[in-house]
PDB file of N, CA and C in Angstrom:
ATOM      1  N   MET A   1     -14.122  -9.820  34.161  1.00  0.00           N
ATOM      2  CA  MET A   1     -14.517 -10.858  33.117  1.00  0.00           C
ATOM      3  C   MET A   1     -14.688 -11.874  33.036  1.00  0.00           C
ATOM      4  N   ALA A   2     -15.671 -12.335  34.369  1.00  0.00           N
ATOM      5  CA  ALA A   2     -16.256 -13.957  33.775  1.00  0.00           C
ATOM      6  C   ALA A   2     -17.995 -12.994  33.669  1.00  0.00           C
ATOM      7  N   PHE A   3     -17.757 -11.867  34.315  1.00  0.00           N
ATOM      8  CA  PHE A   3     -19.357 -11.024  33.874  1.00  0.00           C
ATOM      9  C   PHE A   3     -18.485 -11.058  32.499  1.00  0.00           C
ATOM     10  N   LEU A   4     -18.665 -10.328  32.133  1.00  0.00           N
ATOM     11  CA  LEU A   4     -18.736  -9.972  30.154  1.00  0.00           C
ATOM     12  C   LEU A   4     -19.298 -11.165  29.046  1.00  0.00           C
ATOM     13  N   THR A   5     -20.330 -10.899  28.167  1.00  0.00           N
ATOM     14  CA  THR A   5     -20.092 -11.861  27.855  1.00  0.00           C
ATOM     15  C   THR A   5     -19.699 -12.348  26.595  1.00  0.00           C
ATOM     16  N   ASP A   6     -20.061 -13.208  25.799  1.00  0.00           N
ATOM     17  CA  ASP A   6     -19.785 -13.345  24.469  1.00  0.00           C
ATOM     18  C   ASP A   6     -18.836 -11.979  23.628  1.00  0.00           C
ATOM     19  N   ARG A   7     -19.826 -11.224  23.450  1.00  0.00           N
ATOM     20  CA  ARG A   7     -20.032 -10.591  22.574  1.00  0.00           C
ATOM     21  C   ARG A   7     -19.313  -8.994  23.031  1.00  0.00           C
ATOM     22  N   LYS A   8     -19.458  -9.035  23.946  1.00  0.00           N
ATOM     23  CA  LYS A   8     -18.502  -7.729  24.406  1.00  0.00           C
ATOM     24  C   LYS A   8     -17.212  -7.843  24.613  1.00  0.00           C
ATOM     25  N   ARG A   9     -17.326  -9.580  24.725  1.00  0.00           N
ATOM     26  CA  ARG A   9     -15.244  -9.997  24.102  1.00  0.00           C
ATOM     27  C   ARG A   9     -14.748  -9.950  22.719  1.00  0.00           C
ATOM     28  N   ALA A  10     -15.495 -10.226  22.194  1.00  0.00           N
ATOM     29  CA  ALA A  10     -15.284  -9.701  20.948  1.00  0.00           C
ATOM     30  C   ALA A  10     -15.890  -8.884  20.055  1.00  0.00           C
ATOM     31  N   GLU A  11     -16.198  -7.493  20.630  1.00  0.00           N
ATOM     32  CA  GLU A  11     -16.854  -6.102  20.215  1.00  0.00           C
ATOM     33  C   GLU A  11     -15.447  -5.353  19.083  1.00  0.00           C
ATOM     34  N   PHE A  12     -15.089  -5.302  18.200  1.00  0.00           N
ATOM     35  CA  PHE A  12     -13.997  -4.627  17.725  1.00  0.00           C
ATOM     36  C   PHE A  12     -12.923  -5.540  17.752  1.00  0.00           C
ATOM     37  N   ARG A  13     -12.615  -6.619  18.110  1.00  0.00           N
ATOM     38  CA  ARG A  13     -11.826  -7.748  17.917  1.00  0.00           C
ATOM     39  C   ARG A  13     -12.263  -8.689  16.848  1.00  0.00           C
ATOM     40  N   GLY A  14     -11.099  -8.771  16.371  1.00  0.00           N
ATOM     41  CA  GLY A  14     -11.643 -10.205  14.793  1.00  0.00           C
ATOM     42  C   GLY A  14     -11.222 -11.578  16.369  1.00  0.00           C
ATOM     43  N   SER A  15     -10.685 -12.504  16.023  1.00  0.00           N
ATOM     44  CA  SER A  15     -10.438 -13.961  16.203  1.00  0.00           C
ATOM     45  C   SER A  15      -8.950 -13.849  17.237  1.00  0.00           C
ATOM     46  N   SER A  16      -7.719 -12.838  16.701  1.00  0.00           N
ATOM     47  CA  SER A  16      -6.642 -12.931  16.685  1.00  0.00           C
ATOM     48  C   SER A  16      -6.685 -11.201  17.088  1.00  0.00           C
ATOM     49  N   ARG A  17      -7.462 -10.332  18.153  1.00  0.00           N
ATOM     50  CA  ARG A  17      -7.860  -9.288  17.719  1.00  0.00           C
ATOM     51  C   ARG A  17      -7.096  -7.846  16.791  1.00  0.00           C
ATOM     52  N   THR A  18      -6.962  -7.680  15.627  1.00  0.00           N
ATOM     53  CA  THR A  18      -6.648  -7.526  15.119  1.00  0.00           C
ATOM     54  C   THR A  18      -6.862  -7.461  13.630  1.00  0.00           C
ATOM     55  N   GLY A  19      -8.392  -8.038  13.421  1.00  0.00           N
ATOM     56  CA  GLY A  19      -9.505  -8.470  12.003  1.00  0.00           C
ATOM     57  C   GLY A  19      -9.524  -6.735  11.497  1.00  0.00           C
ATOM     58  N   THR A  20     -10.379  -5.680  12.286  1.00  0.00           N
ATOM     59  CA  THR A  20     -10.593  -4.645  12.823  1.00  0.00           C
ATOM     60  C   THR A  20      -9.318  -3.918  11.228  1.00  0.00           C
ATOM     61  N   GLU A  21      -8.638  -3.637  12.684  1.00  0.00           N
ATOM     62  CA  GLU A  21      -7.328  -2.924  12.438  1.00  0.00           C
ATOM     63  C   GLU A  21      -7.448  -3.154  10.654  1.00  0.00           C
ATOM     64  N   HIS A  22      -7.030  -4.684   9.839  1.00  0.00           N
ATOM     65  CA  HIS A  22      -6.979  -4.974   8.895  1.00  0.00           C
ATOM     66  C   HIS A  22      -7.598  -4.024   8.376  1.00  0.00           C
ATOM     67  N   PHE A  23      -8.622  -4.206   8.648  1.00  0.00           N
ATOM     68  CA  PHE A  23     -10.060  -4.179   8.333  1.00  0.00           C
ATOM     69  C   PHE A  23      -9.879  -2.601   7.429  1.00  0.00           C
ATOM     70  N   TRP A  24     -10.174  -1.975   8.525  1.00  0.00           N
ATOM     71  CA  TRP A  24      -9.624  -0.310   8.521  1.00  0.00           C
ATOM     72  C   TRP A  24      -8.620   0.420   7.944  1.00  0.00           C
ATOM     73  N   GLY A  25      -6.931  -0.564   7.514  1.00  0.00           N
ATOM     74  CA  GLY A  25      -6.315  -0.358   6.579  1.00  0.00           C
ATOM     75  C   GLY A  25      -6.599  -0.376   5.959  1.00  0.00           C
ATOM     76  N   GLN A  26      -7.063  -2.064   4.781  1.00  0.00           N
ATOM     77  CA  GLN A  26      -7.723  -1.759   3.478  1.00  0.00           C
ATOM     78  C   GLN A  26      -8.301  -1.220   3.737  1.00  0.00           C
ATOM     79  N   THR A  27      -8.778  -0.531   3.776  1.00  0.00           N
ATOM     80  CA  THR A  27     -10.935   0.403   3.401  1.00  0.00           C
ATOM     81  C   THR A  27      -9.764   1.604   3.127  1.00  0.00           C
ATOM     82  N   ILE A  28      -8.959   2.934   3.623  1.00  0.00           N
ATOM     83  CA  ILE A  28      -8.417   3.456   3.944  1.00  0.00           C
ATOM     84  C   ILE A  28      -7.794   3.524   3.463  1.00  0.00           C
ATOM     85  N   SER A  29      -5.926   3.176   2.591  1.00  0.00           N
ATOM     86  CA  SER A  29      -5.709   3.145   1.760  1.00  0.00           C
ATOM     87  C   SER A  29      -6.516   2.315   0.529  1.00  0.00           C
ATOM     88  N   ALA A  30      -7.798   1.859   0.855  1.00  0.00           N
ATOM     89  CA  ALA A  30      -8.451   1.935  -1.183  1.00  0.00           C
ATOM     90  C   ALA A  30      -9.054   3.375  -0.827  1.00  0.00           C
ATOM     91  N   VAL A  31      -9.290   3.833   0.195  1.00  0.00           N
ATOM     92  CA  VAL A  31      -9.968   5.447  -0.811  1.00  0.00           C
ATOM     93  C   VAL A  31      -9.262   6.221  -1.153  1.00  0.00           C
ATOM     94  N   GLY A  32      -7.755   6.369  -0.814  1.00  0.00           N
ATOM     95  CA  GLY A  32      -6.450   7.132  -0.589  1.00  0.00           C
ATOM     96  C   GLY A  32      -6.410   6.453  -2.260  1.00  0.00           C
ATOM     97  N   LEU A  33      -6.322   4.999  -2.721  1.00  0.00           N
ATOM     98  CA  LEU A  33      -6.459   5.190  -3.533  1.00  0.00           C
ATOM     99  C   LEU A  33      -7.030   5.567  -4.812  1.00  0.00           C
ATOM    100  N   ALA A  34      -8.422   5.281  -4.586  1.00  0.00           N
ATOM    101  CA  ALA A  34      -9.391   5.606  -5.678  1.00  0.00           C
ATOM    102  C   ALA A  34      -9.578   7.400  -5.406  1.00  0.00           C
ATOM    103  N   ILE A  35      -8.439   7.802  -4.752  1.00  0.00           N
ATOM    104  CA  ILE A  35      -8.300   9.554  -5.443  1.00  0.00           C
ATOM    105  C   ILE A  35      -6.288  10.020  -5.380  1.00  0.00           C
ATOM    106  N   LEU A  36      -6.196   9.100  -5.217  1.00  0.00           N
ATOM    107  CA  LEU A  36      -4.280   9.552  -6.123  1.00  0.00           C
ATOM    108  C   LEU A  36      -4.368   8.303  -7.060  1.00  0.00           C
ATOM    109  N   VAL A  37      -5.279   7.532  -7.816  1.00  0.00           N
ATOM    110  CA  VAL A  37      -4.670   6.825  -8.363  1.00  0.00           C
ATOM    111  C   VAL A  37      -5.508   7.262  -9.937  1.00  0.00           C
ATOM    112  N   PRO A  38      -6.881   8.125  -9.783  1.00  0.00           N
ATOM    113  CA  PRO A  38      -6.753   9.076 -11.205  1.00  0.00           C
ATOM    114  C   PRO A  38      -5.883  10.101 -11.320  1.00  0.00           C
ATOM    115  N   LEU A  39      -5.547  11.152  -9.995  1.00  0.00           N
ATOM    116  CA  LEU A  39      -4.991  12.278  -9.653  1.00  0.00           C
ATOM    117  C   LEU A  39      -2.786  12.074 -10.663  1.00  0.00           C
ATOM    118  N   PHE A  40      -2.574  10.085  -9.947  1.00  0.00           N
ATOM    119  CA  PHE A  40      -2.077   9.688 -11.233  1.00  0.00           C
ATOM    120  C   PHE A  40      -1.910   9.626 -12.412  1.00  0.00           C
ATOM    121  N   VAL A  41      -2.628   8.780 -12.734  1.00  0.00           N
ATOM    122  CA  VAL A  41      -2.694   9.343 -14.348  1.00  0.00           C
ATOM    123  C   VAL A  41      -3.116   9.453 -15.182  1.00  0.00           C
ATOM    124  N   ILE A  42      -3.737  11.041 -14.581  1.00  0.00           N
ATOM    125  CA  ILE A  42      -3.403  12.729 -15.228  1.00  0.00           C
ATOM    126  C   ILE A  42      -2.040  12.368 -15.057  1.00  0.00           C
ATOM    127  N   THR A  43      -1.522  12.950 -14.749  1.00  0.00           N
ATOM    128  CA  THR A  43      -0.071  13.597 -14.360  1.00  0.00           C
ATOM    129  C   THR A  43       1.095  12.542 -15.263  1.00  0.00           C
ATOM    130  N   PHE A  44       0.756  10.929 -15.670  1.00  0.00           N
ATOM    131  CA  PHE A  44       2.271  10.231 -15.474  1.00  0.00           C
ATOM    132  C   PHE A  44       1.073  10.741 -16.696  1.00  0.00           C
ATOM    133  N   GLY A  45      -0.106  10.952 -18.174  1.00  0.00           N
ATOM    134  CA  GLY A  45      -0.272  10.850 -18.989  1.00  0.00           C
ATOM    135  C   GLY A  45       0.325  12.112 -19.674  1.00  0.00           C
ATOM    136  N   CYS A  46       0.404  12.793 -19.182  1.00  0.00           N
ATOM    137  CA  CYS A  46       1.329  14.181 -19.198  1.00  0.00           C
ATOM    138  C   CYS A  46       2.740  14.116 -19.416  1.00  0.00           C
ATOM    139  N   ALA A  47       2.772  13.418 -18.793  1.00  0.00           N
ATOM    140  CA  ALA A  47       4.826  13.057 -19.467  1.00  0.00           C
ATOM    141  C   ALA A  47       4.601  11.947 -20.703  1.00  0.00           C
ATOM    142  N   LEU A  48       3.813  11.432 -20.474  1.00  0.00           N
ATOM    143  CA  LEU A  48       3.919  10.269 -22.088  1.00  0.00           C
ATOM    144  C   LEU A  48       3.912  10.269 -23.234  1.00  0.00           C
ATOM    145  N   GLY A  49       5.259  10.014 -23.358  1.00  0.00           N
ATOM    146  CA  GLY A  49       5.123   9.975 -25.618  1.00  0.00           C
ATOM    147  C   GLY A  49       6.921  11.235 -25.182  1.00  0.00           C
ATOM    148  N   GLY A  50       7.092  12.712 -24.412  1.00  0.00           N
ATOM    149  CA  GLY A  50       7.740  13.178 -24.257  1.00  0.00           C
ATOM    150  C   GLY A  50       9.186  12.538 -24.548  1.00  0.00           C
ATOM    151  N   THR A  51       9.941  13.836 -23.975  1.00  0.00           N
ATOM    152  CA  THR A  51      12.018  12.438 -24.630  1.00  0.00           C
ATOM    153  C   THR A  51      11.855  12.958 -23.495  1.00  0.00           C
ATOM    154  N   TYR A  52      13.061  12.094 -23.282  1.00  0.00           N
ATOM    155  CA  TYR A  52      13.581  11.619 -21.902  1.00  0.00           C
ATOM    156  C   TYR A  52      13.901  12.640 -20.834  1.00  0.00           C
ATOM    157  N   GLU A  53      14.605  13.937 -21.682  1.00  0.00           N
ATOM    158  CA  GLU A  53      14.856  14.895 -20.490  1.00  0.00           C
ATOM    159  C   GLU A  53      13.681  15.682 -20.038  1.00  0.00           C
ATOM    160  N   GLU A  54      12.958  16.172 -21.278  1.00  0.00           N
ATOM    161  CA  GLU A  54      11.164  16.622 -21.323  1.00  0.00           C
ATOM    162  C   GLU A  54      10.661  16.018 -19.855  1.00  0.00           C
ATOM    163  N   VAL A  55      10.601  14.248 -19.824  1.00  0.00           N
ATOM    164  CA  VAL A  55       9.826  13.307 -18.746  1.00  0.00           C
ATOM    165  C   VAL A  55      10.847  13.413 -17.798  1.00  0.00           C
ATOM    166  N   ILE A  56      12.214  14.007 -17.690  1.00  0.00           N
ATOM    167  CA  ILE A  56      13.036  14.143 -16.105  1.00  0.00           C
ATOM    168  C   ILE A  56      12.311  15.863 -15.420  1.00  0.00           C
ATOM    169  N   SER A  57      12.927  16.163 -16.801  1.00  0.00           N
ATOM    170  CA  SER A  57      12.453  17.205 -16.227  1.00  0.00           C
ATOM    171  C   SER A  57      10.560  17.975 -15.350  1.00  0.00           C
ATOM    172  N   TYR A  58       9.867  16.557 -16.322  1.00  0.00           N
ATOM    173  CA  TYR A  58       9.084  17.841 -15.592  1.00  0.00           C
ATOM    174  C   TYR A  58       8.024  16.228 -14.758  1.00  0.00           C
ATOM    175  N   TYR A  59       8.708  15.208 -13.770  1.00  0.00           N
ATOM    176  CA  TYR A  59       8.867  14.745 -12.339  1.00  0.00           C
ATOM    177  C   TYR A  59      10.137  15.238 -11.615  1.00  0.00           C
ATOM    178  N   GLN A  60      10.303  16.681 -12.159  1.00  0.00           N
ATOM    179  CA  GLN A  60      11.213  17.414 -11.420  1.00  0.00           C
ATOM    180  C   GLN A  60      11.068  18.185 -10.324  1.00  0.00           C
ATOM    181  N   ARG A  61       9.458  19.242 -10.922  1.00  0.00           N
ATOM    182  CA  ARG A  61       8.170  19.493 -10.018  1.00  0.00           C
ATOM    183  C   ARG A  61       7.997  18.412  -9.246  1.00  0.00           C
ATOM    184  N   PRO A  62       6.957  18.962  -8.072  1.00  0.00           N
ATOM    185  CA  PRO A  62       7.210  19.226  -7.627  1.00  0.00           C
ATOM    186  C   PRO A  62       5.501  18.286  -7.173  1.00  0.00           C
ATOM    187  N   PHE A  63       4.699  19.449  -8.144  1.00  0.00           N
ATOM    188  CA  PHE A  63       2.950  18.368  -8.425  1.00  0.00           C
ATOM    189  C   PHE A  63       3.866  16.686  -8.211  1.00  0.00           C
ATOM    190  N   PRO A  64       4.421  16.401  -9.831  1.00  0.00           N
ATOM    191  CA  PRO A  64       3.716  15.370 -10.378  1.00  0.00           C
ATOM    192  C   PRO A  64       5.165  14.202  -9.648  1.00  0.00           C
ATOM    193  N   ALA A  65       6.172  14.814  -9.081  1.00  0.00           N
ATOM    194  CA  ALA A  65       6.438  13.397  -8.205  1.00  0.00           C
ATOM    195  C   ALA A  65       6.121  13.558  -6.458  1.00  0.00           C
ATOM    196  N   ILE A  66       5.391  14.472  -5.786  1.00  0.00           N
ATOM    197  CA  ILE A  66       4.173  14.043  -5.201  1.00  0.00           C
ATOM    198  C   ILE A  66       3.337  13.248  -5.260  1.00  0.00           C
ATOM    199  N   ILE A  67       2.543  13.325  -5.893  1.00  0.00           N
ATOM    200  CA  ILE A  67       0.642  12.528  -6.562  1.00  0.00           C
ATOM    201  C   ILE A  67       2.188  10.660  -6.387  1.00  0.00           C
ATOM    202  N   ALA A  68       3.344  11.335  -7.455  1.00  0.00           N
ATOM    203  CA  ALA A  68       3.216   9.250  -7.297  1.00  0.00           C
ATOM    204  C   ALA A  68       4.597   9.080  -6.236  1.00  0.00           C
ATOM    205  N   ALA A  69       4.713   9.787  -5.295  1.00  0.00           N
ATOM    206  CA  ALA A  69       5.036   8.933  -4.856  1.00  0.00           C
ATOM    207  C   ALA A  69       4.244   9.422  -3.457  1.00  0.00           C
ATOM    208  N   MET A  70       3.347   9.422  -3.304  1.00  0.00           N
ATOM    209  CA  MET A  70       2.756   8.773  -2.553  1.00  0.00           C
ATOM    210  C   MET A  70       1.076   7.828  -2.781  1.00  0.00           C
ATOM    211  N   THR A  71       1.388   7.839  -4.562  1.00  0.00           N
ATOM    212  CA  THR A  71       0.846   6.649  -4.348  1.00  0.00           C
ATOM    213  C   THR A  71       1.661   5.293  -4.647  1.00  0.00           C
ATOM    214  N   ILE A  72       3.415   5.567  -4.859  1.00  0.00           N
ATOM    215  CA  ILE A  72       3.244   3.972  -3.953  1.00  0.00           C
ATOM    216  C   ILE A  72       3.700   3.302  -3.439  1.00  0.00           C
ATOM    217  N   THR A  73       3.650   4.631  -2.473  1.00  0.00           N
ATOM    218  CA  THR A  73       3.710   3.788  -1.072  1.00  0.00           C
ATOM    219  C   THR A  73       1.839   3.541  -0.681  1.00  0.00           C
ATOM    220  N   VAL A  74       0.984   4.454  -1.077  1.00  0.00           N
ATOM    221  CA  VAL A  74       0.161   4.072  -0.599  1.00  0.00           C
ATOM    222  C   VAL A  74      -0.574   2.493  -1.239  1.00  0.00           C
ATOM    223  N   ALA A  75      -0.227   2.170  -2.819  1.00  0.00           N
ATOM    224  CA  ALA A  75      -0.527   1.096  -3.197  1.00  0.00           C
ATOM    225  C   ALA A  75       0.396   0.047  -2.447  1.00  0.00           C
ATOM    226  N   MET A  76       1.517   0.215  -2.332  1.00  0.00           N
ATOM    227  CA  MET A  76       2.686  -1.063  -1.017  1.00  0.00           C
ATOM    228  C   MET A  76       2.214  -1.379  -0.183  1.00  0.00           C
ATOM    229  N   ILE A  77       1.076  -0.316   0.537  1.00  0.00           N
ATOM    230  CA  ILE A  77       0.671  -0.580   2.085  1.00  0.00           C
ATOM    231  C   ILE A  77      -1.341  -1.451   1.284  1.00  0.00           C
ATOM    232  N   HIS A  78      -1.482  -1.346   0.878  1.00  0.00           N
ATOM    233  CA  HIS A  78      -2.367  -1.603   0.463  1.00  0.00           C
ATOM    234  C   HIS A  78      -2.233  -3.212   0.247  1.00  0.00           C
ATOM    235  N   PHE A  79      -0.737  -2.972  -1.178  1.00  0.00           N
ATOM    236  CA  PHE A  79      -1.105  -4.751  -1.772  1.00  0.00           C
ATOM    237  C   PHE A  79      -0.641  -5.340   0.412  1.00  0.00           C
ATOM    238  N   ARG A  80       0.268  -5.164  -0.069  1.00  0.00           N
ATOM    239  CA  ARG A  80       0.676  -5.169   1.613  1.00  0.00           C
ATOM    240  C   ARG A  80      -0.565  -6.430   2.491  1.00  0.00           C
ATOM    241  N   HIS A  81      -1.528  -5.949   3.300  1.00  0.00           N
ATOM    242  CA  HIS A  81      -2.865  -5.401   3.720  1.00  0.00           C
ATOM    243  C   HIS A  81      -3.122  -6.538   2.873  1.00  0.00           C
ATOM    244  N   GLY A  82      -3.247  -6.592   1.609  1.00  0.00           N
ATOM    245  CA  GLY A  82      -4.218  -7.546   0.689  1.00  0.00           C
ATOM    246  C   GLY A  82      -3.997  -8.685   0.933  1.00  0.00           C
ATOM    247  N   ILE A  83      -2.367  -8.918   0.686  1.00  0.00           N
ATOM    248  CA  ILE A  83      -1.432 -10.327   0.138  1.00  0.00           C
ATOM    249  C   ILE A  83      -1.742 -10.644   1.705  1.00  0.00           C
ATOM    250  N   GLN A  84      -1.484  -9.839   2.888  1.00  0.00           N
ATOM    251  CA  GLN A  84      -1.217 -10.528   4.113  1.00  0.00           C
ATOM    252  C   GLN A  84      -2.584 -11.693   4.003  1.00  0.00           C
ATOM    253  N   VAL A  85      -3.955 -10.862   4.158  1.00  0.00           N
ATOM    254  CA  VAL A  85      -5.925 -11.307   4.020  1.00  0.00           C
ATOM    255  C   VAL A  85      -5.149 -12.784   3.898  1.00  0.00           C
ATOM    256  N   VAL A  86      -5.189 -12.468   2.372  1.00  0.00           N
ATOM    257  CA  VAL A  86      -4.774 -14.037   1.357  1.00  0.00           C
ATOM    258  C   VAL A  86      -4.250 -15.030   2.403  1.00  0.00           C
ATOM    259  N   ILE A  87      -3.193 -13.871   2.366  1.00  0.00           N
ATOM    260  CA  ILE A  87      -2.613 -15.751   2.543  1.00  0.00           C
ATOM    261  C   ILE A  87      -2.883 -16.440   4.272  1.00  0.00           C
ATOM    262  N   GLU A  88      -3.290 -15.439   5.065  1.00  0.00           N
ATOM    263  CA  GLU A  88      -3.839 -16.202   6.200  1.00  0.00           C
ATOM    264  C   GLU A  88      -5.159 -16.391   5.536  1.00  0.00           C
ATOM    265  N   ASP A  89      -6.022 -16.383   5.110  1.00  0.00           N
ATOM    266  CA  ASP A  89      -6.691 -17.572   4.540  1.00  0.00           C
ATOM    267  C   ASP A  89      -6.144 -18.696   3.847  1.00  0.00           C
ATOM    268  N   TYR A  90      -5.739 -18.541   3.489  1.00  0.00           N
ATOM    269  CA  TYR A  90      -5.712 -19.966   2.519  1.00  0.00           C
ATOM    270  C   TYR A  90      -3.808 -20.835   2.907  1.00  0.00           C
ATOM    271  N   THR A  91      -3.465 -20.191   3.585  1.00  0.00           N
ATOM    272  CA  THR A  91      -1.975 -20.916   4.847  1.00  0.00           C
ATOM    273  C   THR A  91      -2.495 -21.524   5.144  1.00  0.00           C
ATOM    274  N   ARG A  92      -1.509 -22.276   6.378  1.00  0.00           N
ATOM    275  CA  ARG A  92      -1.649 -22.269   7.632  1.00  0.00           C
ATOM    276  C   ARG A  92       0.271 -23.112   8.193  1.00  0.00           C
ATOM    277  N   GLY A  93       0.262 -23.271   9.180  1.00  0.00           N
ATOM    278  CA  GLY A  93       1.402 -22.957   9.536  1.00  0.00           C
ATOM    279  C   GLY A  93       3.350 -22.246   9.120  1.00  0.00           C
ATOM    280  N   LEU A  94       4.533 -22.925   8.875  1.00  0.00           N
ATOM    281  CA  LEU A  94       5.129 -22.445   8.550  1.00  0.00           C
ATOM    282  C   LEU A  94       5.053 -22.250   7.695  1.00  0.00           C
ATOM    283  N   GLN A  95       4.336 -22.421   6.495  1.00  0.00           N
ATOM    284  CA  GLN A  95       4.519 -22.148   4.868  1.00  0.00           C
ATOM    285  C   GLN A  95       3.692 -20.265   5.501  1.00  0.00           C
ATOM    286  N   LYS A  96       2.935 -20.131   5.914  1.00  0.00           N
ATOM    287  CA  LYS A  96       1.434 -18.982   6.508  1.00  0.00           C
ATOM    288  C   LYS A  96       2.813 -17.895   6.829  1.00  0.00           C
ATOM    289  N   LYS A  97       3.113 -17.950   7.648  1.00  0.00           N
ATOM    290  CA  LYS A  97       4.455 -16.696   8.191  1.00  0.00           C
ATOM    291  C   LYS A  97       5.660 -16.021   7.333  1.00  0.00           C
ATOM    292  N   PHE A  98       5.459 -17.222   6.319  1.00  0.00           N
ATOM    293  CA  PHE A  98       7.188 -17.623   5.703  1.00  0.00           C
ATOM    294  C   PHE A  98       6.512 -16.215   4.658  1.00  0.00           C
ATOM    295  N   LEU A  99       5.322 -17.002   3.693  1.00  0.00           N
ATOM    296  CA  LEU A  99       5.472 -16.119   3.032  1.00  0.00           C
ATOM    297  C   LEU A  99       4.102 -14.433   3.540  1.00  0.00           C
ATOM    298  N   ILE A 100       4.249 -14.780   4.503  1.00  0.00           N
ATOM    299  CA  ILE A 100       3.671 -13.061   5.020  1.00  0.00           C
ATOM    300  C   ILE A 100       5.418 -12.082   5.702  1.00  0.00           C
ATOM    301  N   ILE A 101       6.039 -13.132   6.103  1.00  0.00           N
ATOM    302  CA  ILE A 101       6.953 -11.797   5.438  1.00  0.00           C
ATOM    303  C   ILE A 101       7.451 -11.722   4.753  1.00  0.00           C
ATOM    304  N   LEU A 102       7.485 -12.915   3.459  1.00  0.00           N
ATOM    305  CA  LEU A 102       8.009 -12.314   2.207  1.00  0.00           C
ATOM    306  C   LEU A 102       7.248 -12.000   0.545  1.00  0.00           C
ATOM    307  N   CYS A 103       5.684 -11.418   1.673  1.00  0.00           N
ATOM    308  CA  CYS A 103       5.198 -10.490   0.730  1.00  0.00           C
ATOM    309  C   CYS A 103       5.391  -9.883   1.294  1.00  0.00           C
ATOM    310  N   THR A 104       6.157  -9.585   2.802  1.00  0.00           N
ATOM    311  CA  THR A 104       6.604  -7.365   3.282  1.00  0.00           C
ATOM    312  C   THR A 104       7.206  -6.850   2.710  1.00  0.00           C
ATOM    313  N   CYS A 105       8.699  -7.696   2.370  1.00  0.00           N
ATOM    314  CA  CYS A 105       9.865  -7.818   2.384  1.00  0.00           C
ATOM    315  C   CYS A 105       9.247  -7.114   1.069  1.00  0.00           C
ATOM    316  N   ILE A 106       8.333  -8.001  -0.081  1.00  0.00           N
ATOM    317  CA  ILE A 106       8.273  -7.402  -1.679  1.00  0.00           C
ATOM    318  C   ILE A 106       8.365  -5.855  -1.373  1.00  0.00           C
ATOM    319  N   ALA A 107       7.134  -6.197  -0.468  1.00  0.00           N
ATOM    320  CA  ALA A 107       5.473  -4.449  -0.716  1.00  0.00           C
ATOM    321  C   ALA A 107       6.713  -3.322  -0.121  1.00  0.00           C
ATOM    322  N   TYR A 108       8.053  -3.643   0.817  1.00  0.00           N
ATOM    323  CA  TYR A 108       8.809  -2.672   0.660  1.00  0.00           C
ATOM    324  C   TYR A 108       9.558  -2.893  -0.119  1.00  0.00           C
ATOM    325  N   ALA A 109      10.524  -3.370  -0.386  1.00  0.00           N
ATOM    326  CA  ALA A 109      11.312  -3.020  -1.732  1.00  0.00           C
ATOM    327  C   ALA A 109      10.767  -2.629  -2.880  1.00  0.00           C
ATOM    328  N   VAL A 110       9.461  -3.130  -2.903  1.00  0.00           N
ATOM    329  CA  VAL A 110       9.203  -2.139  -4.099  1.00  0.00           C
ATOM    330  C   VAL A 110       8.875  -0.719  -3.798  1.00  0.00           C
ATOM    331  N   ALA A 111       8.364  -1.285  -2.915  1.00  0.00           N
ATOM    332  CA  ALA A 111       8.234   0.800  -2.153  1.00  0.00           C
ATOM    333  C   ALA A 111       9.327   2.112  -2.128  1.00  0.00           C
ATOM    334  N   ALA A 112      10.570   0.871  -1.812  1.00  0.00           N
ATOM    335  CA  ALA A 112      12.108   1.647  -1.163  1.00  0.00           C
ATOM    336  C   ALA A 112      12.923   2.032  -2.763  1.00  0.00           C
ATOM    337  N   THR A 113      12.440   0.444  -3.431  1.00  0.00           N
ATOM    338  CA  THR A 113      12.604   1.300  -5.521  1.00  0.00           C
ATOM    339  C   THR A 113      12.184   2.481  -6.290  1.00  0.00           C
ATOM    340  N   GLY A 114      10.787   2.560  -5.645  1.00  0.00           N
ATOM    341  CA  GLY A 114      10.287   3.594  -6.700  1.00  0.00           C
ATOM    342  C   GLY A 114      10.320   4.952  -6.832  1.00  0.00           C
ATOM    343  N   LEU A 115      10.471   4.294  -4.437  1.00  0.00           N
ATOM    344  CA  LEU A 115      10.505   6.068  -3.815  1.00  0.00           C
ATOM    345  C   LEU A 115      12.050   6.633  -4.400  1.00  0.00           C
ATOM    346  N   PHE A 116      13.472   6.163  -4.413  1.00  0.00           N
ATOM    347  CA  PHE A 116      15.247   5.908  -4.415  1.00  0.00           C
ATOM    348  C   PHE A 116      14.765   6.559  -5.975  1.00  0.00           C
ATOM    349  N   ALA A 117      14.261   5.523  -6.681  1.00  0.00           N
ATOM    350  CA  ALA A 117      14.395   5.902  -8.292  1.00  0.00           C
ATOM    351  C   ALA A 117      13.479   7.413  -8.094  1.00  0.00           C
ATOM    352  N   LEU A 118      11.743   7.928  -8.088  1.00  0.00           N
ATOM    353  CA  LEU A 118      11.605   8.783  -8.044  1.00  0.00           C
ATOM    354  C   LEU A 118      12.530  10.066  -7.277  1.00  0.00           C
ATOM    355  N   ALA A 119      12.809   9.916  -6.256  1.00  0.00           N
ATOM    356  CA  ALA A 119      14.509  10.730  -5.305  1.00  0.00           C
ATOM    357  C   ALA A 119      15.187  11.269  -6.336  1.00  0.00           C
ATOM    358  N   ARG A 120      16.471  10.380  -7.242  1.00  0.00           N
ATOM    359  CA  ARG A 120      16.752  10.579  -7.691  1.00  0.00           C
ATOM    360  C   ARG A 120      16.601  11.481  -9.092  1.00  0.00           C
ATOM    361  N   ILE A 121      15.447  11.807  -9.723  1.00  0.00           N
ATOM    362  CA  ILE A 121      15.075  12.217 -10.953  1.00  0.00           C
ATOM    363  C   ILE A 121      14.807  13.405  -9.877  1.00  0.00           C
ATOM    364  N   ALA A 122      13.564  13.910  -9.469  1.00  0.00           N
ATOM    365  CA  ALA A 122      13.509  14.620  -8.651  1.00  0.00           C
ATOM    366  C   ALA A 122      14.385  15.168  -8.716  1.00  0.00           C
ATOM    367  N   LEU A 123      15.194  14.988  -7.503  1.00  0.00           N
ATOM    368  CA  LEU A 123      16.633  15.493  -6.793  1.00  0.00           C
ATOM    369  C   LEU A 123      17.974  16.211  -7.662  1.00  0.00           C
TER     370      LEU A 123
END
């Protein structure tokens, strides 16, 4: 280990050895959202303006339900990664840990609530 250069020890690792994992997770979810959000807007736009029964029957079809579920899931993963980076940059100590846990719980709660509501509609 003593023969490794500083660059070799730091390659592919942030200061906490997870910097690139957060970056790639954020990048991959951003690309996924770039594809999913327009599809979601198109599918949501088709249901917009319909009666309650028409909207329910529309989201009982597989394609709109799957697009909505994927958008909810990827958006909350993207939110969790992004807000964690912001919290790590601007807070310290116990407050940092508390805020990361709180925002992670919020992201999972929103995802679970959205997916549950979608499952209730689709099934």
